[in-house]
């Protein structure tokens, strides 16, 4: 069963960091405290974080019917294919975890985006909060990875990895796009079976100017979720935390 943890601590160099989610109460016993997906602002350094939520307490029929027609067709086209394999690891072992990290780092180099927060992911894994899903082909080549922070209340999408850049054929790249949609649907089905209440898409862009983010919004909206306004906040209770905040300001 998924963990009921709503807060953990982990180390970032000399700093003790505490993560807190979903309006949980936690002691101010760390140098830096991240309050994430909260209903209200908690600390002085706070900002809005919009997301999309799917209610996994609905029936599978209700969940699937809420998905857009084109997306449903793409999902159906991937089902019952002998050349595709779906895996969900709610307790990923070292081999699976390292493969995910290696392939995600390759993805970040191609996309020129930030590397994964490995220390935080390590902490999720130690505390039974990390879930990884993967779709691969008949030759065991990865199409898609999804990384989640998983507990009994909400499963939160942290990273998506699409390995399209390792395939030259346009048909394969098109298949990967469909496989990504299929993977999200399979994830929803599996997390629902585990009793998780909410499927959280890990963010939704509340703007009108960034075309790439708007395109990501449209992809997520195909699955029929509801927009939810959350708040993320950061607190710096200790002198080390306050020094860290000062150094962040200089860096900016």
Protein backbone atom coordinates (compact mmCIF):
# COMPACT_ATOMS: atom_id res chain seq x y z
CA UNK A 1 0.00 0.00 0.00
CA UNK A 2 1.18 3.57 -0.63
CA UNK A 3 2.82 5.41 2.23
CA UNK A 4 0.82 7.83 4.36
CA UNK A 5 3.84 10.11 4.81
CA UNK A 6 3.21 13.80 4.21
CA UNK A 7 6.67 15.04 5.22
CA UNK A 8 10.28 13.84 5.13
CA UNK A 9 13.73 15.26 5.87
CA UNK A 10 16.84 14.89 3.73
CA UNK A 11 20.33 16.38 3.41
CA UNK A 12 21.58 18.86 0.84
CA UNK A 13 25.26 19.28 1.71
CA UNK A 14 25.41 20.91 5.15
CA UNK A 15 21.68 21.73 5.10
CA UNK A 16 18.87 19.69 6.58
CA UNK A 17 15.83 20.04 4.34
CA UNK A 18 12.23 19.20 5.19
CA UNK A 19 9.56 18.67 2.53
CA UNK A 20 5.91 19.02 3.56
CA UNK A 21 2.88 18.35 1.33
CA UNK A 22 -0.88 18.78 1.30
CA UNK A 23 -1.43 20.99 4.37
CA UNK A 24 0.34 18.58 6.72
CA UNK A 25 1.62 19.86 10.06
CA UNK A 26 5.36 19.44 10.58
CA UNK A 27 7.96 20.74 13.04
CA UNK A 28 10.20 23.61 11.99
CA UNK A 29 13.25 21.47 12.70
CA UNK A 30 15.19 21.91 9.45
CA UNK A 31 17.36 24.61 7.90
CA UNK A 32 15.09 24.91 4.86
CA UNK A 33 11.44 23.82 4.71
CA UNK A 34 9.55 23.42 1.44
CA UNK A 35 5.77 23.52 1.80
CA UNK A 36 4.37 22.09 -1.42
CA UNK A 37 0.87 21.77 -2.91
CA UNK A 38 -0.70 23.62 0.02
CA UNK A 39 -4.13 25.25 0.03
CA UNK A 40 -2.76 28.47 1.55
CA UNK A 41 0.49 30.41 1.70
CA UNK A 42 2.54 29.18 4.64
CA UNK A 43 5.80 31.14 4.65
CA UNK A 44 6.88 34.58 3.48
CA UNK A 45 8.50 33.27 0.30
CA UNK A 46 5.43 31.85 -1.44
CA UNK A 47 4.06 31.54 -4.94
CA UNK A 48 1.07 30.07 -6.73
CA UNK A 49 1.34 26.63 -8.24
CA UNK A 50 -1.52 25.55 -10.47
CA UNK A 51 -2.03 21.92 -11.41
CA UNK A 52 -4.53 19.49 -12.90
CA UNK A 53 -6.11 16.76 -10.77
CA UNK A 54 -7.96 13.62 -11.80
CA UNK A 55 -10.22 12.07 -9.16
CA UNK A 56 -9.28 8.39 -9.01
CA UNK A 57 -12.35 7.60 -6.91
CA UNK A 58 -14.34 7.73 -10.12
CA UNK A 59 -14.97 4.46 -11.92
CA UNK A 60 -12.59 3.50 -14.73
CA UNK A 61 -15.44 4.09 -17.17
CA UNK A 62 -15.95 7.63 -15.85
CA UNK A 63 -12.22 8.37 -15.95
CA UNK A 64 -11.84 7.08 -19.50
CA UNK A 65 -14.96 8.82 -20.84
CA UNK A 66 -13.60 12.16 -19.54
CA UNK A 67 -10.56 11.78 -21.80
CA UNK A 68 -10.78 13.51 -25.17
CA UNK A 69 -11.88 11.38 -28.13
CA UNK A 70 -8.59 11.65 -30.05
CA UNK A 71 -6.59 10.77 -26.94
CA UNK A 72 -8.84 7.78 -26.23
CA UNK A 73 -8.24 6.50 -29.75
CA UNK A 74 -4.47 6.81 -29.33
CA UNK A 75 -4.64 4.92 -26.04
CA UNK A 76 -6.74 2.14 -27.58
CA UNK A 77 -4.27 1.82 -30.45
CA UNK A 78 -1.53 0.93 -27.94
CA UNK A 79 -3.51 -1.64 -25.97
CA UNK A 80 -3.00 -5.35 -26.55
CA UNK A 81 0.20 -4.80 -28.54
CA UNK A 82 2.69 -7.62 -28.02
CA UNK A 83 5.61 -5.34 -28.91
CA UNK A 84 5.01 -2.94 -26.00
CA UNK A 85 5.60 -3.50 -22.32
CA UNK A 86 4.31 -1.40 -19.40
CA UNK A 87 5.92 -1.60 -15.96
CA UNK A 88 5.06 0.17 -12.72
CA UNK A 89 7.64 0.09 -9.92
CA UNK A 90 6.25 1.36 -6.61
CA UNK A 91 9.45 0.22 -4.88
CA UNK A 92 12.08 0.60 -7.63
CA UNK A 93 15.25 -1.36 -7.06
CA UNK A 94 18.72 0.05 -7.67
CA UNK A 95 18.93 -1.22 -11.26
CA UNK A 96 15.62 0.31 -12.32
CA UNK A 97 16.35 3.55 -10.49
CA UNK A 98 19.80 3.96 -12.08
CA UNK A 99 18.42 3.24 -15.54
CA UNK A 100 15.80 5.93 -15.03
CA UNK A 101 18.40 8.46 -13.87
CA UNK A 102 20.75 7.66 -16.76
CA UNK A 103 18.03 8.02 -19.36
CA UNK A 104 16.59 11.13 -17.77
CA UNK A 105 20.00 12.79 -17.75
CA UNK A 106 20.36 11.96 -21.47
CA UNK A 107 16.94 13.53 -22.02
CA UNK A 108 17.94 16.72 -20.18
CA UNK A 109 21.04 17.12 -22.35
CA UNK A 110 18.95 16.93 -25.53
CA UNK A 111 16.23 19.23 -24.19
CA UNK A 112 18.74 21.55 -22.46
CA UNK A 113 16.75 21.52 -19.24
CA UNK A 114 17.80 21.17 -15.61
CA UNK A 115 19.14 17.85 -14.36
CA UNK A 116 16.94 15.87 -11.96
CA UNK A 117 17.06 16.64 -8.23
CA UNK A 118 18.77 13.38 -7.38
CA UNK A 119 19.13 14.05 -3.64
CA UNK A 120 15.39 14.64 -3.32
CA UNK A 121 14.60 11.58 -5.45
CA UNK A 122 16.96 9.52 -3.28
CA UNK A 123 15.00 10.67 -0.22
CA UNK A 124 11.69 9.77 -1.86
CA UNK A 125 13.02 6.31 -2.63
CA UNK A 126 14.40 5.73 0.88
CA UNK A 127 11.02 6.64 2.33
CA UNK A 128 8.95 4.52 -0.05
CA UNK A 129 7.54 7.53 -1.89
CA UNK A 130 9.08 7.09 -5.35
CA UNK A 131 7.17 5.33 -8.12
CA UNK A 132 8.52 4.83 -11.64
CA UNK A 133 6.57 3.66 -14.67
CA UNK A 134 8.13 2.69 -17.99
CA UNK A 135 7.02 1.72 -21.48
CA UNK A 136 9.51 -0.18 -23.66
CA UNK A 137 9.47 -1.97 -27.00
CA UNK A 138 10.13 -5.59 -27.95
CA UNK A 139 13.90 -4.94 -27.85
CA UNK A 140 13.60 -3.45 -24.34
CA UNK A 141 14.33 0.06 -25.61
CA UNK A 142 12.68 2.69 -23.45
CA UNK A 143 9.93 4.80 -24.95
CA UNK A 144 8.75 6.69 -21.87
CA UNK A 145 9.44 7.05 -18.15
CA UNK A 146 7.15 8.70 -15.58
CA UNK A 147 8.48 9.49 -12.09
CA UNK A 148 6.05 10.13 -9.24
CA UNK A 149 5.97 11.08 -5.59
CA UNK A 150 3.44 8.60 -4.30
CA UNK A 151 1.42 8.52 -1.13
CA UNK A 152 -2.07 7.34 -0.27
CA UNK A 153 -3.67 10.76 -0.80
CA UNK A 154 -2.10 11.92 -4.06
CA UNK A 155 0.31 10.72 -6.70
CA UNK A 156 2.31 13.66 -8.04
CA UNK A 157 4.03 13.60 -11.44
CA UNK A 158 7.61 14.81 -10.88
CA UNK A 159 9.29 13.99 -14.21
CA UNK A 160 8.33 12.73 -17.66
CA UNK A 161 11.03 11.32 -19.93
CA UNK A 162 10.38 10.73 -23.63
CA UNK A 163 13.16 8.93 -25.49
CA UNK A 164 12.08 10.04 -28.99
CA UNK A 165 15.60 11.33 -29.73
CA UNK A 166 16.98 7.77 -29.78
CA UNK A 167 14.76 6.78 -32.71
CA UNK A 168 15.23 7.98 -36.28
CA UNK A 169 12.00 6.71 -37.86
CA UNK A 170 9.08 9.12 -37.76
CA UNK A 171 6.71 6.18 -37.19
CA UNK A 172 8.61 5.28 -34.00
CA UNK A 173 8.48 8.86 -32.74
CA UNK A 174 4.74 8.97 -33.41
CA UNK A 175 4.35 5.67 -31.55
CA UNK A 176 6.21 7.12 -28.55
CA UNK A 177 3.71 9.98 -28.36
CA UNK A 178 0.86 7.49 -28.25
CA UNK A 179 2.74 5.32 -25.76
CA UNK A 180 3.11 8.31 -23.45
CA UNK A 181 -0.67 8.77 -23.38
CA UNK A 182 -1.15 5.05 -22.85
CA UNK A 183 1.35 5.11 -19.97
CA UNK A 184 -0.55 7.90 -18.21
CA UNK A 185 -3.78 5.94 -18.54
CA UNK A 186 -2.13 2.76 -17.25
CA UNK A 187 -0.63 4.73 -14.37
CA UNK A 188 -4.07 6.06 -13.43
CA UNK A 189 -5.53 2.55 -13.49
CA UNK A 190 -2.77 1.12 -11.32
CA UNK A 191 -2.77 3.95 -8.78
CA UNK A 192 -6.55 3.70 -8.54
CA UNK A 193 -6.18 0.00 -7.68
CA UNK A 194 -3.76 1.00 -4.91
CA UNK A 195 -6.42 3.27 -3.39
CA UNK A 196 -4.81 6.63 -4.23
CA UNK A 197 -7.36 9.47 -4.31
CA UNK A 198 -5.85 12.04 -6.70
CA UNK A 199 -3.69 11.88 -9.82
CA UNK A 200 -1.72 15.16 -9.94
CA UNK A 201 -0.18 16.20 -13.26
CA UNK A 202 2.62 18.08 -11.52
CA UNK A 203 1.73 21.56 -12.74
CA UNK A 204 -0.40 23.58 -15.12
CA UNK A 205 0.72 26.84 -16.75
CA UNK A 206 -1.54 29.72 -15.71
CA UNK A 207 -0.41 32.07 -18.47
CA UNK A 208 -0.98 32.89 -22.12
CA UNK A 209 2.42 33.73 -23.62
CA UNK A 210 4.68 30.64 -23.41
CA UNK A 211 3.67 28.45 -26.36
CA UNK A 212 5.66 25.42 -25.20
CA UNK A 213 3.96 25.43 -21.79
CA UNK A 214 0.57 26.01 -23.41
CA UNK A 215 1.22 22.96 -25.59
CA UNK A 216 1.99 20.92 -22.46
CA UNK A 217 -1.24 22.21 -20.93
CA UNK A 218 -3.20 20.99 -23.93
CA UNK A 219 -1.65 17.54 -23.63
CA UNK A 220 -2.58 17.28 -19.94
CA UNK A 221 -6.06 18.68 -20.55
CA UNK A 222 -6.77 15.79 -22.96
CA UNK A 223 -7.24 13.64 -19.85
CA UNK A 224 -10.10 15.72 -18.48
CA UNK A 225 -8.75 16.78 -15.09
CA UNK A 226 -9.78 19.85 -13.09
CA UNK A 227 -7.53 22.87 -12.53
CA UNK A 228 -6.49 23.29 -8.90
CA UNK A 229 -4.74 26.33 -7.41
CA UNK A 230 -2.09 25.40 -4.85
CA UNK A 231 0.67 27.33 -3.10
CA UNK A 232 4.32 26.48 -2.60
CA UNK A 233 6.25 28.22 0.16
CA UNK A 234 9.78 28.16 1.52
CA UNK A 235 10.80 28.84 5.12
CA UNK A 236 14.33 29.30 6.51
CA UNK A 237 14.09 28.72 10.29
CA UNK A 238 17.79 28.34 11.18
CA UNK A 239 20.82 30.56 10.74
CA UNK A 240 22.11 28.14 8.10
CA UNK A 241 18.81 28.43 6.27
CA UNK A 242 18.92 32.22 6.39
CA UNK A 243 22.49 32.17 5.07
CA UNK A 244 21.37 29.86 2.26
CA UNK A 245 18.58 32.30 1.38
CA UNK A 246 21.06 35.18 1.31
CA UNK A 247 23.44 33.27 -0.97
CA UNK A 248 20.52 32.43 -3.29
CA UNK A 249 19.76 36.13 -3.53
CA UNK A 250 23.36 36.96 -4.46
CA UNK A 251 23.38 34.20 -7.07
CA UNK A 252 20.25 35.61 -8.73
